[in-house]
Amino acid sequence: MRFKTDENLPEEFAEILRAAGWDARSVVEQRLGGAVDPKVARVCLAESRVLITLDIGFGDIRSYPPSECLGIIVLRPKQQDKLNVLALANRLVMALGDHPIDRELWIVDDRRIRIRS
């Protein structure tokens, strides 16, 4: 799987994904910081990457239908500090090993992962 981490995530998030064996690039690494959401979505589709973000706008299936992209993962930690966000990264790595994302929207919070096709 290939991932793109949004600019609202720590750079370490992509590093955790890479350490797990996946191809992960960040929006910042690719100099897309400040790009509007539709552009980020188009780049992810063009690069065949799943987007991982804290931006709840990507959870709107009317604007970003799961069937029209490789997948979107929206993180919803109770607290958005770096420690909690990176804890979700480790949880996500385990979940992706059990259930690879395929044209789905995942909402990941501190207690569960909701999956919508």
PDB file of N, CA and C in Angstrom:
ATOM      1  N   MET A   1       0.836  -1.181   0.000  1.00  0.00           N
ATOM      2  CA  MET A   1       0.000   0.000   0.000  1.00  0.00           C
ATOM      3  C   MET A   1       0.881   1.244   0.000  1.00  0.00           C
ATOM      4  N   ARG A   2       0.350   2.268  -0.587  1.00  0.00           N
ATOM      5  CA  ARG A   2       1.048   3.551  -0.660  1.00  0.00           C
ATOM      6  C   ARG A   2       0.200   4.594   0.037  1.00  0.00           C
ATOM      7  N   PHE A   3       0.853   5.429   0.834  1.00  0.00           N
ATOM      8  CA  PHE A   3       0.145   6.420   1.641  1.00  0.00           C
ATOM      9  C   PHE A   3       0.717   7.812   1.427  1.00  0.00           C
ATOM     10  N   LYS A   4      -0.139   8.806   1.665  1.00  0.00           N
ATOM     11  CA  LYS A   4       0.287  10.204   1.746  1.00  0.00           C
ATOM     12  C   LYS A   4      -0.282  10.755   3.049  1.00  0.00           C
ATOM     13  N   THR A   5       0.607  11.288   3.886  1.00  0.00           N
ATOM     14  CA  THR A   5       0.152  11.898   5.133  1.00  0.00           C
ATOM     15  C   THR A   5      -0.036  13.392   4.896  1.00  0.00           C
ATOM     16  N   ASP A   6      -1.120  13.915   5.404  1.00  0.00           N
ATOM     17  CA  ASP A   6      -1.465  15.314   5.213  1.00  0.00           C
ATOM     18  C   ASP A   6      -0.531  16.206   6.026  1.00  0.00           C
ATOM     19  N   GLU A   7      -0.533  17.486   5.702  1.00  0.00           N
ATOM     20  CA  GLU A   7       0.362  18.422   6.371  1.00  0.00           C
ATOM     21  C   GLU A   7       0.005  18.640   7.838  1.00  0.00           C
ATOM     22  N   ASN A   8      -1.193  18.236   8.255  1.00  0.00           N
ATOM     23  CA  ASN A   8      -1.595  18.424   9.646  1.00  0.00           C
ATOM     24  C   ASN A   8      -1.119  17.283  10.554  1.00  0.00           C
ATOM     25  N   LEU A   9      -0.343  16.364  10.003  1.00  0.00           N
ATOM     26  CA  LEU A   9       0.205  15.253  10.791  1.00  0.00           C
ATOM     27  C   LEU A   9       1.705  15.447  10.981  1.00  0.00           C
ATOM     28  N   PRO A  10       2.231  14.948  12.108  1.00  0.00           N
ATOM     29  CA  PRO A  10       3.682  15.038  12.302  1.00  0.00           C
ATOM     30  C   PRO A  10       4.421  14.213  11.253  1.00  0.00           C
ATOM     31  N   GLU A  11       5.616  14.655  10.879  1.00  0.00           N
ATOM     32  CA  GLU A  11       6.424  13.917   9.898  1.00  0.00           C
ATOM     33  C   GLU A  11       6.685  12.487  10.366  1.00  0.00           C
ATOM     34  N   GLU A  12       6.723  12.268  11.669  1.00  0.00           N
ATOM     35  CA  GLU A  12       6.969  10.932  12.209  1.00  0.00           C
ATOM     36  C   GLU A  12       5.884   9.943  11.816  1.00  0.00           C
ATOM     37  N   PHE A  13       4.698  10.430  11.495  1.00  0.00           N
ATOM     38  CA  PHE A  13       3.606   9.542  11.085  1.00  0.00           C
ATOM     39  C   PHE A  13       4.020   8.762   9.838  1.00  0.00           C
ATOM     40  N   ALA A  14       4.545   9.467   8.845  1.00  0.00           N
ATOM     41  CA  ALA A  14       5.009   8.797   7.622  1.00  0.00           C
ATOM     42  C   ALA A  14       6.165   7.857   7.933  1.00  0.00           C
ATOM     43  N   GLU A  15       7.026   8.241   8.860  1.00  0.00           N
ATOM     44  CA  GLU A  15       8.155   7.387   9.245  1.00  0.00           C
ATOM     45  C   GLU A  15       7.671   6.078   9.866  1.00  0.00           C
ATOM     46  N   ILE A  16       6.618   6.131  10.668  1.00  0.00           N
ATOM     47  CA  ILE A  16       6.050   4.922  11.278  1.00  0.00           C
ATOM     48  C   ILE A  16       5.519   3.992  10.188  1.00  0.00           C
ATOM     49  N   LEU A  17       4.855   4.560   9.201  1.00  0.00           N
ATOM     50  CA  LEU A  17       4.344   3.749   8.087  1.00  0.00           C
ATOM     51  C   LEU A  17       5.489   3.123   7.298  1.00  0.00           C
ATOM     52  N   ARG A  18       6.530   3.895   7.039  1.00  0.00           N
ATOM     53  CA  ARG A  18       7.684   3.360   6.305  1.00  0.00           C
ATOM     54  C   ARG A  18       8.368   2.249   7.099  1.00  0.00           C
ATOM     55  N   ALA A  19       8.478   2.431   8.411  1.00  0.00           N
ATOM     56  CA  ALA A  19       9.105   1.404   9.257  1.00  0.00           C
ATOM     57  C   ALA A  19       8.310   0.105   9.220  1.00  0.00           C
ATOM     58  N   ALA A  20       7.005   0.204   8.955  1.00  0.00           N
ATOM     59  CA  ALA A  20       6.154  -0.984   8.859  1.00  0.00           C
ATOM     60  C   ALA A  20       6.229  -1.613   7.464  1.00  0.00           C
ATOM     61  N   GLY A  21       6.975  -0.995   6.564  1.00  0.00           N
ATOM     62  CA  GLY A  21       7.178  -1.580   5.241  1.00  0.00           C
ATOM     63  C   GLY A  21       6.359  -0.972   4.121  1.00  0.00           C
ATOM     64  N   TRP A  22       5.634   0.104   4.407  1.00  0.00           N
ATOM     65  CA  TRP A  22       4.818   0.728   3.365  1.00  0.00           C
ATOM     66  C   TRP A  22       5.496   1.947   2.781  1.00  0.00           C
ATOM     67  N   ASP A  23       5.105   2.274   1.588  1.00  0.00           N
ATOM     68  CA  ASP A  23       5.564   3.466   0.895  1.00  0.00           C
ATOM     69  C   ASP A  23       4.722   4.628   1.417  1.00  0.00           C
ATOM     70  N   ALA A  24       5.350   5.569   2.078  1.00  0.00           N
ATOM     71  CA  ALA A  24       4.619   6.710   2.642  1.00  0.00           C
ATOM     72  C   ALA A  24       5.365   8.002   2.342  1.00  0.00           C
ATOM     73  N   ARG A  25       4.650   8.968   1.838  1.00  0.00           N
ATOM     74  CA  ARG A  25       5.183  10.306   1.570  1.00  0.00           C
ATOM     75  C   ARG A  25       4.275  11.295   2.257  1.00  0.00           C
ATOM     76  N   SER A  26       4.820  12.422   2.611  1.00  0.00           N
ATOM     77  CA  SER A  26       3.988  13.437   3.241  1.00  0.00           C
ATOM     78  C   SER A  26       3.733  14.576   2.259  1.00  0.00           C
ATOM     79  N   VAL A  27       2.656  15.277   2.507  1.00  0.00           N
ATOM     80  CA  VAL A  27       2.319  16.460   1.719  1.00  0.00           C
ATOM     81  C   VAL A  27       3.466  17.461   1.801  1.00  0.00           C
ATOM     82  N   VAL A  28       4.045  17.604   2.978  1.00  0.00           N
ATOM     83  CA  VAL A  28       5.146  18.555   3.172  1.00  0.00           C
ATOM     84  C   VAL A  28       6.371  18.144   2.361  1.00  0.00           C
ATOM     85  N   GLU A  29       6.712  16.847   2.373  1.00  0.00           N
ATOM     86  CA  GLU A  29       7.865  16.357   1.589  1.00  0.00           C
ATOM     87  C   GLU A  29       7.721  16.690   0.113  1.00  0.00           C
ATOM     88  N   GLN A  30       6.512  16.686  -0.356  1.00  0.00           N
ATOM     89  CA  GLN A  30       6.266  16.920  -1.777  1.00  0.00           C
ATOM     90  C   GLN A  30       5.917  18.376  -2.085  1.00  0.00           C
ATOM     91  N   ARG A  31       6.150  19.233  -1.121  1.00  0.00           N
ATOM     92  CA  ARG A  31       5.937  20.678  -1.278  1.00  0.00           C
ATOM     93  C   ARG A  31       4.499  21.017  -1.683  1.00  0.00           C
ATOM     94  N   LEU A  32       3.557  20.310  -1.071  1.00  0.00           N
ATOM     95  CA  LEU A  32       2.142  20.587  -1.311  1.00  0.00           C
ATOM     96  C   LEU A  32       1.498  21.289  -0.121  1.00  0.00           C
ATOM     97  N   GLY A  33       2.316  21.715   0.839  1.00  0.00           N
ATOM     98  CA  GLY A  33       1.781  22.409   2.010  1.00  0.00           C
ATOM     99  C   GLY A  33       0.958  23.614   1.586  1.00  0.00           C
ATOM    100  N   GLY A  34      -0.222  23.751   2.152  1.00  0.00           N
ATOM    101  CA  GLY A  34      -1.107  24.859   1.817  1.00  0.00           C
ATOM    102  C   GLY A  34      -2.000  24.590   0.616  1.00  0.00           C
ATOM    103  N   ALA A  35      -1.829  23.447  -0.031  1.00  0.00           N
ATOM    104  CA  ALA A  35      -2.683  23.115  -1.187  1.00  0.00           C
ATOM    105  C   ALA A  35      -4.116  22.880  -0.711  1.00  0.00           C
ATOM    106  N   VAL A  36      -5.071  23.242  -1.544  1.00  0.00           N
ATOM    107  CA  VAL A  36      -6.475  23.034  -1.206  1.00  0.00           C
ATOM    108  C   VAL A  36      -6.790  21.542  -1.231  1.00  0.00           C
ATOM    109  N   ASP A  37      -7.799  21.155  -0.469  1.00  0.00           N
ATOM    110  CA  ASP A  37      -8.155  19.740  -0.332  1.00  0.00           C
ATOM    111  C   ASP A  37      -8.383  19.034  -1.668  1.00  0.00           C
ATOM    112  N   PRO A  38      -9.145  19.605  -2.600  1.00  0.00           N
ATOM    113  CA  PRO A  38      -9.350  18.893  -3.871  1.00  0.00           C
ATOM    114  C   PRO A  38      -8.038  18.600  -4.605  1.00  0.00           C
ATOM    115  N   LYS A  39      -7.071  19.509  -4.514  1.00  0.00           N
ATOM    116  CA  LYS A  39      -5.780  19.260  -5.168  1.00  0.00           C
ATOM    117  C   LYS A  39      -5.051  18.103  -4.486  1.00  0.00           C
ATOM    118  N   VAL A  40      -5.054  18.077  -3.157  1.00  0.00           N
ATOM    119  CA  VAL A  40      -4.417  16.979  -2.419  1.00  0.00           C
ATOM    120  C   VAL A  40      -5.073  15.656  -2.823  1.00  0.00           C
ATOM    121  N   ALA A  41      -6.391  15.640  -2.921  1.00  0.00           N
ATOM    122  CA  ALA A  41      -7.110  14.422  -3.318  1.00  0.00           C
ATOM    123  C   ALA A  41      -6.720  13.985  -4.726  1.00  0.00           C
ATOM    124  N   ARG A  42      -6.601  14.941  -5.644  1.00  0.00           N
ATOM    125  CA  ARG A  42      -6.209  14.613  -7.027  1.00  0.00           C
ATOM    126  C   ARG A  42      -4.791  14.039  -7.078  1.00  0.00           C
ATOM    127  N   VAL A  43      -3.886  14.620  -6.308  1.00  0.00           N
ATOM    128  CA  VAL A  43      -2.503  14.132  -6.283  1.00  0.00           C
ATOM    129  C   VAL A  43      -2.461  12.713  -5.724  1.00  0.00           C
ATOM    130  N   CYS A  44      -3.225  12.463  -4.667  1.00  0.00           N
ATOM    131  CA  CYS A  44      -3.271  11.108  -4.094  1.00  0.00           C
ATOM    132  C   CYS A  44      -3.773  10.105  -5.123  1.00  0.00           C
ATOM    133  N   LEU A  45      -4.801  10.467  -5.859  1.00  0.00           N
ATOM    134  CA  LEU A  45      -5.354   9.574  -6.880  1.00  0.00           C
ATOM    135  C   LEU A  45      -4.329   9.345  -7.998  1.00  0.00           C
ATOM    136  N   ALA A  46      -3.687  10.414  -8.454  1.00  0.00           N
ATOM    137  CA  ALA A  46      -2.699  10.302  -9.529  1.00  0.00           C
ATOM    138  C   ALA A  46      -1.505   9.443  -9.114  1.00  0.00           C
ATOM    139  N   GLU A  47      -1.151   9.497  -7.830  1.00  0.00           N
ATOM    140  CA  GLU A  47      -0.006   8.730  -7.323  1.00  0.00           C
ATOM    141  C   GLU A  47      -0.404   7.372  -6.742  1.00  0.00           C
ATOM    142  N   SER A  48      -1.682   7.045  -6.811  1.00  0.00           N
ATOM    143  CA  SER A  48      -2.200   5.792  -6.234  1.00  0.00           C
ATOM    144  C   SER A  48      -1.854   5.680  -4.747  1.00  0.00           C
ATOM    145  N   ARG A  49      -2.215   6.711  -4.002  1.00  0.00           N
ATOM    146  CA  ARG A  49      -1.931   6.743  -2.570  1.00  0.00           C
ATOM    147  C   ARG A  49      -3.209   6.921  -1.762  1.00  0.00           C
ATOM    148  N   VAL A  50      -3.213   6.311  -0.592  1.00  0.00           N
ATOM    149  CA  VAL A  50      -4.285   6.493   0.388  1.00  0.00           C
ATOM    150  C   VAL A  50      -3.918   7.722   1.209  1.00  0.00           C
ATOM    151  N   LEU A  51      -4.854   8.640   1.375  1.00  0.00           N
ATOM    152  CA  LEU A  51      -4.612   9.845   2.170  1.00  0.00           C
ATOM    153  C   LEU A  51      -4.918   9.577   3.637  1.00  0.00           C
ATOM    154  N   ILE A  52      -4.022  10.040   4.512  1.00  0.00           N
ATOM    155  CA  ILE A  52      -4.244   9.985   5.957  1.00  0.00           C
ATOM    156  C   ILE A  52      -4.216  11.419   6.462  1.00  0.00           C
ATOM    157  N   THR A  53      -5.269  11.821   7.189  1.00  0.00           N
ATOM    158  CA  THR A  53      -5.417  13.217   7.562  1.00  0.00           C
ATOM    159  C   THR A  53      -6.184  13.392   8.874  1.00  0.00           C
ATOM    160  N   LEU A  54      -6.060  14.562   9.452  1.00  0.00           N
ATOM    161  CA  LEU A  54      -6.900  14.964  10.577  1.00  0.00           C
ATOM    162  C   LEU A  54      -8.065  15.830  10.092  1.00  0.00           C
ATOM    163  N   ASP A  55      -8.082  16.160   8.831  1.00  0.00           N
ATOM    164  CA  ASP A  55      -9.072  17.058   8.236  1.00  0.00           C
ATOM    165  C   ASP A  55     -10.402  16.326   8.047  1.00  0.00           C
ATOM    166  N   ILE A  56     -11.396  16.672   8.863  1.00  0.00           N
ATOM    167  CA  ILE A  56     -12.684  15.969   8.800  1.00  0.00           C
ATOM    168  C   ILE A  56     -13.434  16.226   7.498  1.00  0.00           C
ATOM    169  N   GLY A  57     -13.036  17.240   6.758  1.00  0.00           N
ATOM    170  CA  GLY A  57     -13.659  17.494   5.457  1.00  0.00           C
ATOM    171  C   GLY A  57     -13.510  16.322   4.504  1.00  0.00           C
ATOM    172  N   PHE A  58     -12.418  15.577   4.644  1.00  0.00           N
ATOM    173  CA  PHE A  58     -12.209  14.403   3.788  1.00  0.00           C
ATOM    174  C   PHE A  58     -13.134  13.252   4.182  1.00  0.00           C
ATOM    175  N   GLY A  59     -13.817  13.379   5.295  1.00  0.00           N
ATOM    176  CA  GLY A  59     -14.787  12.369   5.707  1.00  0.00           C
ATOM    177  C   GLY A  59     -16.147  12.555   5.060  1.00  0.00           C
ATOM    178  N   ASP A  60     -16.317  13.610   4.292  1.00  0.00           N
ATOM    179  CA  ASP A  60     -17.577  13.883   3.599  1.00  0.00           C
ATOM    180  C   ASP A  60     -17.623  13.045   2.321  1.00  0.00           C
ATOM    181  N   ILE A  61     -18.400  11.970   2.343  1.00  0.00           N
ATOM    182  CA  ILE A  61     -18.422  11.053   1.197  1.00  0.00           C
ATOM    183  C   ILE A  61     -19.098  11.655  -0.030  1.00  0.00           C
ATOM    184  N   ARG A  62     -19.810  12.764   0.132  1.00  0.00           N
ATOM    185  CA  ARG A  62     -20.382  13.428  -1.044  1.00  0.00           C
ATOM    186  C   ARG A  62     -19.293  14.154  -1.818  1.00  0.00           C
ATOM    187  N   SER A  63     -18.327  14.713  -1.112  1.00  0.00           N
ATOM    188  CA  SER A  63     -17.222  15.418  -1.762  1.00  0.00           C
ATOM    189  C   SER A  63     -16.086  14.476  -2.150  1.00  0.00           C
ATOM    190  N   TYR A  64     -15.859  13.444  -1.322  1.00  0.00           N
ATOM    191  CA  TYR A  64     -14.757  12.501  -1.542  1.00  0.00           C
ATOM    192  C   TYR A  64     -15.279  11.074  -1.415  1.00  0.00           C
ATOM    193  N   PRO A  65     -16.020  10.591  -2.434  1.00  0.00           N
ATOM    194  CA  PRO A  65     -16.578   9.238  -2.378  1.00  0.00           C
ATOM    195  C   PRO A  65     -15.466   8.190  -2.312  1.00  0.00           C
ATOM    196  N   PRO A  66     -15.555   7.254  -1.369  1.00  0.00           N
ATOM    197  CA  PRO A  66     -14.529   6.214  -1.254  1.00  0.00           C
ATOM    198  C   PRO A  66     -14.323   5.430  -2.551  1.00  0.00           C
ATOM    199  N   SER A  67     -15.376   5.254  -3.334  1.00  0.00           N
ATOM    200  CA  SER A  67     -15.268   4.482  -4.568  1.00  0.00           C
ATOM    201  C   SER A  67     -14.437   5.194  -5.637  1.00  0.00           C
ATOM    202  N   GLU A  68     -14.195   6.489  -5.457  1.00  0.00           N
ATOM    203  CA  GLU A  68     -13.465   7.260  -6.462  1.00  0.00           C
ATOM    204  C   GLU A  68     -12.016   7.539  -6.069  1.00  0.00           C
ATOM    205  N   CYS A  69     -11.544   6.869  -5.038  1.00  0.00           N
ATOM    206  CA  CYS A  69     -10.150   7.028  -4.627  1.00  0.00           C
ATOM    207  C   CYS A  69      -9.654   5.691  -4.080  1.00  0.00           C
ATOM    208  N   LEU A  70      -8.389   5.602  -3.775  1.00  0.00           N
ATOM    209  CA  LEU A  70      -7.857   4.347  -3.235  1.00  0.00           C
ATOM    210  C   LEU A  70      -8.240   4.162  -1.779  1.00  0.00           C
ATOM    211  N   GLY A  71      -8.525   5.253  -1.107  1.00  0.00           N
ATOM    212  CA  GLY A  71      -8.927   5.203   0.285  1.00  0.00           C
ATOM    213  C   GLY A  71      -8.570   6.486   0.999  1.00  0.00           C
ATOM    214  N   ILE A  72      -9.311   6.760   2.048  1.00  0.00           N
ATOM    215  CA  ILE A  72      -9.062   7.931   2.895  1.00  0.00           C
ATOM    216  C   ILE A  72      -9.164   7.477   4.335  1.00  0.00           C
ATOM    217  N   ILE A  73      -8.198   7.905   5.132  1.00  0.00           N
ATOM    218  CA  ILE A  73      -8.207   7.614   6.560  1.00  0.00           C
ATOM    219  C   ILE A  73      -8.242   8.951   7.293  1.00  0.00           C
ATOM    220  N   VAL A  74      -9.335   9.173   8.022  1.00  0.00           N
ATOM    221  CA  VAL A  74      -9.484  10.392   8.815  1.00  0.00           C
ATOM    222  C   VAL A  74      -9.261  10.027  10.276  1.00  0.00           C
ATOM    223  N   LEU A  75      -8.294  10.668  10.877  1.00  0.00           N
ATOM    224  CA  LEU A  75      -7.978  10.425  12.285  1.00  0.00           C
ATOM    225  C   LEU A  75      -8.764  11.380  13.158  1.00  0.00           C
ATOM    226  N   ARG A  76      -9.358  10.853  14.208  1.00  0.00           N
ATOM    227  CA  ARG A  76     -10.176  11.657  15.120  1.00  0.00           C
ATOM    228  C   ARG A  76      -9.766  11.396  16.573  1.00  0.00           C
ATOM    229  N   PRO A  77      -8.530  11.722  16.938  1.00  0.00           N
ATOM    230  CA  PRO A  77      -8.125  11.510  18.329  1.00  0.00           C
ATOM    231  C   PRO A  77      -8.854  12.487  19.245  1.00  0.00           C
ATOM    232  N   LYS A  78      -9.067  12.061  20.475  1.00  0.00           N
ATOM    233  CA  LYS A  78      -9.723  12.934  21.450  1.00  0.00           C
ATOM    234  C   LYS A  78      -8.913  14.216  21.636  1.00  0.00           C
ATOM    235  N   GLN A  79      -7.594  14.044  21.676  1.00  0.00           N
ATOM    236  CA  GLN A  79      -6.679  15.182  21.758  1.00  0.00           C
ATOM    237  C   GLN A  79      -5.707  15.084  20.593  1.00  0.00           C
ATOM    238  N   GLN A  80      -5.475  16.213  19.922  1.00  0.00           N
ATOM    239  CA  GLN A  80      -4.652  16.188  18.718  1.00  0.00           C
ATOM    240  C   GLN A  80      -3.182  16.510  18.989  1.00  0.00           C
ATOM    241  N   ASP A  81      -2.712  16.252  20.194  1.00  0.00           N
ATOM    242  CA  ASP A  81      -1.297  16.468  20.448  1.00  0.00           C
ATOM    243  C   ASP A  81      -0.496  15.365  19.765  1.00  0.00           C
ATOM    244  N   LYS A  82       0.776  15.616  19.584  1.00  0.00           N
ATOM    245  CA  LYS A  82       1.647  14.706  18.833  1.00  0.00           C
ATOM    246  C   LYS A  82       1.643  13.292  19.401  1.00  0.00           C
ATOM    247  N   LEU A  83       1.698  13.143  20.703  1.00  0.00           N
ATOM    248  CA  LEU A  83       1.738  11.830  21.332  1.00  0.00           C
ATOM    249  C   LEU A  83       0.501  10.998  20.984  1.00  0.00           C
ATOM    250  N   ASN A  84      -0.680  11.603  21.084  1.00  0.00           N
ATOM    251  CA  ASN A  84      -1.920  10.884  20.771  1.00  0.00           C
ATOM    252  C   ASN A  84      -2.043  10.561  19.282  1.00  0.00           C
ATOM    253  N   VAL A  85      -1.616  11.475  18.440  1.00  0.00           N
ATOM    254  CA  VAL A  85      -1.693  11.235  16.997  1.00  0.00           C
ATOM    255  C   VAL A  85      -0.751  10.097  16.604  1.00  0.00           C
ATOM    256  N   LEU A  86       0.451  10.076  17.165  1.00  0.00           N
ATOM    257  CA  LEU A  86       1.388   8.996  16.839  1.00  0.00           C
ATOM    258  C   LEU A  86       0.940   7.662  17.430  1.00  0.00           C
ATOM    259  N   ALA A  87       0.214   7.697  18.544  1.00  0.00           N
ATOM    260  CA  ALA A  87      -0.359   6.458  19.085  1.00  0.00           C
ATOM    261  C   ALA A  87      -1.372   5.882  18.095  1.00  0.00           C
ATOM    262  N   LEU A  88      -2.137   6.760  17.446  1.00  0.00           N
ATOM    263  CA  LEU A  88      -3.074   6.283  16.416  1.00  0.00           C
ATOM    264  C   LEU A  88      -2.325   5.710  15.221  1.00  0.00           C
ATOM    265  N   ALA A  89      -1.156   6.250  14.917  1.00  0.00           N
ATOM    266  CA  ALA A  89      -0.356   5.710  13.807  1.00  0.00           C
ATOM    267  C   ALA A  89       0.008   4.262  14.082  1.00  0.00           C
ATOM    268  N   ASN A  90       0.441   3.980  15.290  1.00  0.00           N
ATOM    269  CA  ASN A  90       0.808   2.604  15.638  1.00  0.00           C
ATOM    270  C   ASN A  90      -0.407   1.687  15.612  1.00  0.00           C
ATOM    271  N   ARG A  91      -1.536   2.176  16.066  1.00  0.00           N
ATOM    272  CA  ARG A  91      -2.779   1.402  16.036  1.00  0.00           C
ATOM    273  C   ARG A  91      -3.215   1.138  14.593  1.00  0.00           C
ATOM    274  N   LEU A  92      -3.043   2.135  13.767  1.00  0.00           N
ATOM    275  CA  LEU A  92      -3.412   2.021  12.361  1.00  0.00           C
ATOM    276  C   LEU A  92      -2.550   0.980  11.649  1.00  0.00           C
ATOM    277  N   VAL A  93      -1.261   0.961  11.931  1.00  0.00           N
ATOM    278  CA  VAL A  93      -0.359  -0.021  11.320  1.00  0.00           C
ATOM    279  C   VAL A  93      -0.846  -1.436  11.620  1.00  0.00           C
ATOM    280  N   MET A  94      -1.239  -1.683  12.841  1.00  0.00           N
ATOM    281  CA  MET A  94      -1.745  -3.011  13.210  1.00  0.00           C
ATOM    282  C   MET A  94      -3.032  -3.322  12.463  1.00  0.00           C
ATOM    283  N   ALA A  95      -3.937  -2.365  12.383  1.00  0.00           N
ATOM    284  CA  ALA A  95      -5.225  -2.583  11.711  1.00  0.00           C
ATOM    285  C   ALA A  95      -5.041  -2.831  10.218  1.00  0.00           C
ATOM    286  N   LEU A  96      -4.125  -2.101   9.593  1.00  0.00           N
ATOM    287  CA  LEU A  96      -3.892  -2.275   8.157  1.00  0.00           C
ATOM    288  C   LEU A  96      -3.310  -3.646   7.847  1.00  0.00           C
ATOM    289  N   GLY A  97      -2.586  -4.225   8.798  1.00  0.00           N
ATOM    290  CA  GLY A  97      -2.074  -5.578   8.615  1.00  0.00           C
ATOM    291  C   GLY A  97      -3.188  -6.607   8.590  1.00  0.00           C
ATOM    292  N   ASP A  98      -4.271  -6.321   9.310  1.00  0.00           N
ATOM    293  CA  ASP A  98      -5.418  -7.236   9.374  1.00  0.00           C
ATOM    294  C   ASP A  98      -6.422  -7.007   8.255  1.00  0.00           C
ATOM    295  N   HIS A  99      -6.554  -5.754   7.822  1.00  0.00           N
ATOM    296  CA  HIS A  99      -7.592  -5.391   6.844  1.00  0.00           C
ATOM    297  C   HIS A  99      -7.057  -4.262   5.954  1.00  0.00           C
ATOM    298  N   PRO A 100      -6.429  -4.597   4.842  1.00  0.00           N
ATOM    299  CA  PRO A 100      -5.925  -3.540   3.953  1.00  0.00           C
ATOM    300  C   PRO A 100      -7.064  -2.652   3.460  1.00  0.00           C
ATOM    301  N   ILE A 101      -6.802  -1.384   3.370  1.00  0.00           N
ATOM    302  CA  ILE A 101      -7.822  -0.441   2.904  1.00  0.00           C
ATOM    303  C   ILE A 101      -7.949  -0.550   1.388  1.00  0.00           C
ATOM    304  N   ASP A 102      -9.182  -0.576   0.898  1.00  0.00           N
ATOM    305  CA  ASP A 102      -9.441  -0.673  -0.531  1.00  0.00           C
ATOM    306  C   ASP A 102     -10.697   0.107  -0.869  1.00  0.00           C
ATOM    307  N   ARG A 103     -10.488   1.324  -1.358  1.00  0.00           N
ATOM    308  CA  ARG A 103     -11.608   2.188  -1.745  1.00  0.00           C
ATOM    309  C   ARG A 103     -12.610   2.355  -0.599  1.00  0.00           C
ATOM    310  N   GLU A 104     -12.070   2.611   0.581  1.00  0.00           N
ATOM    311  CA  GLU A 104     -12.895   2.770   1.784  1.00  0.00           C
ATOM    312  C   GLU A 104     -12.530   4.063   2.494  1.00  0.00           C
ATOM    313  N   LEU A 105     -13.457   4.528   3.298  1.00  0.00           N
ATOM    314  CA  LEU A 105     -13.217   5.627   4.222  1.00  0.00           C
ATOM    315  C   LEU A 105     -13.091   5.013   5.604  1.00  0.00           C
ATOM    316  N   TRP A 106     -11.977   5.264   6.255  1.00  0.00           N
ATOM    317  CA  TRP A 106     -11.778   4.810   7.632  1.00  0.00           C
ATOM    318  C   TRP A 106     -11.792   6.029   8.534  1.00  0.00           C
ATOM    319  N   ILE A 107     -12.577   5.961   9.590  1.00  0.00           N
ATOM    320  CA  ILE A 107     -12.551   6.970  10.647  1.00  0.00           C
ATOM    321  C   ILE A 107     -11.923   6.290  11.852  1.00  0.00           C
ATOM    322  N   VAL A 108     -10.762   6.774  12.256  1.00  0.00           N
ATOM    323  CA  VAL A 108     -10.002   6.148  13.332  1.00  0.00           C
ATOM    324  C   VAL A 108     -10.004   7.064  14.541  1.00  0.00           C
ATOM    325  N   ASP A 109     -10.577   6.581  15.630  1.00  0.00           N
ATOM    326  CA  ASP A 109     -10.525   7.361  16.870  1.00  0.00           C
ATOM    327  C   ASP A 109      -9.799   6.558  17.941  1.00  0.00           C
ATOM    328  N   ASP A 110      -9.837   7.033  19.145  1.00  0.00           N
ATOM    329  CA  ASP A 110      -9.079   6.402  20.233  1.00  0.00           C
ATOM    330  C   ASP A 110      -9.605   5.021  20.609  1.00  0.00           C
ATOM    331  N   ARG A 111     -10.848   4.728  20.265  1.00  0.00           N
ATOM    332  CA  ARG A 111     -11.450   3.461  20.689  1.00  0.00           C
ATOM    333  C   ARG A 111     -11.749   2.482  19.568  1.00  0.00           C
ATOM    334  N   ARG A 112     -11.971   3.001  18.354  1.00  0.00           N
ATOM    335  CA  ARG A 112     -12.428   2.094  17.292  1.00  0.00           C
ATOM    336  C   ARG A 112     -12.054   2.632  15.912  1.00  0.00           C
ATOM    337  N   ILE A 113     -12.286   1.781  14.938  1.00  0.00           N
ATOM    338  CA  ILE A 113     -12.129   2.155  13.532  1.00  0.00           C
ATOM    339  C   ILE A 113     -13.428   1.854  12.826  1.00  0.00           C
ATOM    340  N   ARG A 114     -14.030   2.884  12.266  1.00  0.00           N
ATOM    341  CA  ARG A 114     -15.257   2.712  11.484  1.00  0.00           C
ATOM    342  C   ARG A 114     -14.882   2.705  10.006  1.00  0.00           C
ATOM    343  N   ILE A 115     -15.414   1.737   9.274  1.00  0.00           N
ATOM    344  CA  ILE A 115     -15.069   1.575   7.866  1.00  0.00           C
ATOM    345  C   ILE A 115     -16.331   1.725   7.029  1.00  0.00           C
ATOM    346  N   ARG A 116     -16.220   2.582   6.014  1.00  0.00           N
ATOM    347  CA  ARG A 116     -17.344   2.778   5.109  1.00  0.00           C
ATOM    348  C   ARG A 116     -16.867   2.557   3.677  1.00  0.00           C
ATOM    349  N   SER A 117     -17.551   1.711   2.969  1.00  0.00           N
ATOM    350  CA  SER A 117     -17.182   1.415   1.569  1.00  0.00           C
ATOM    351  C   SER A 117     -17.835   2.398   0.630  1.00  0.00           C
TER     352      SER A 117
END
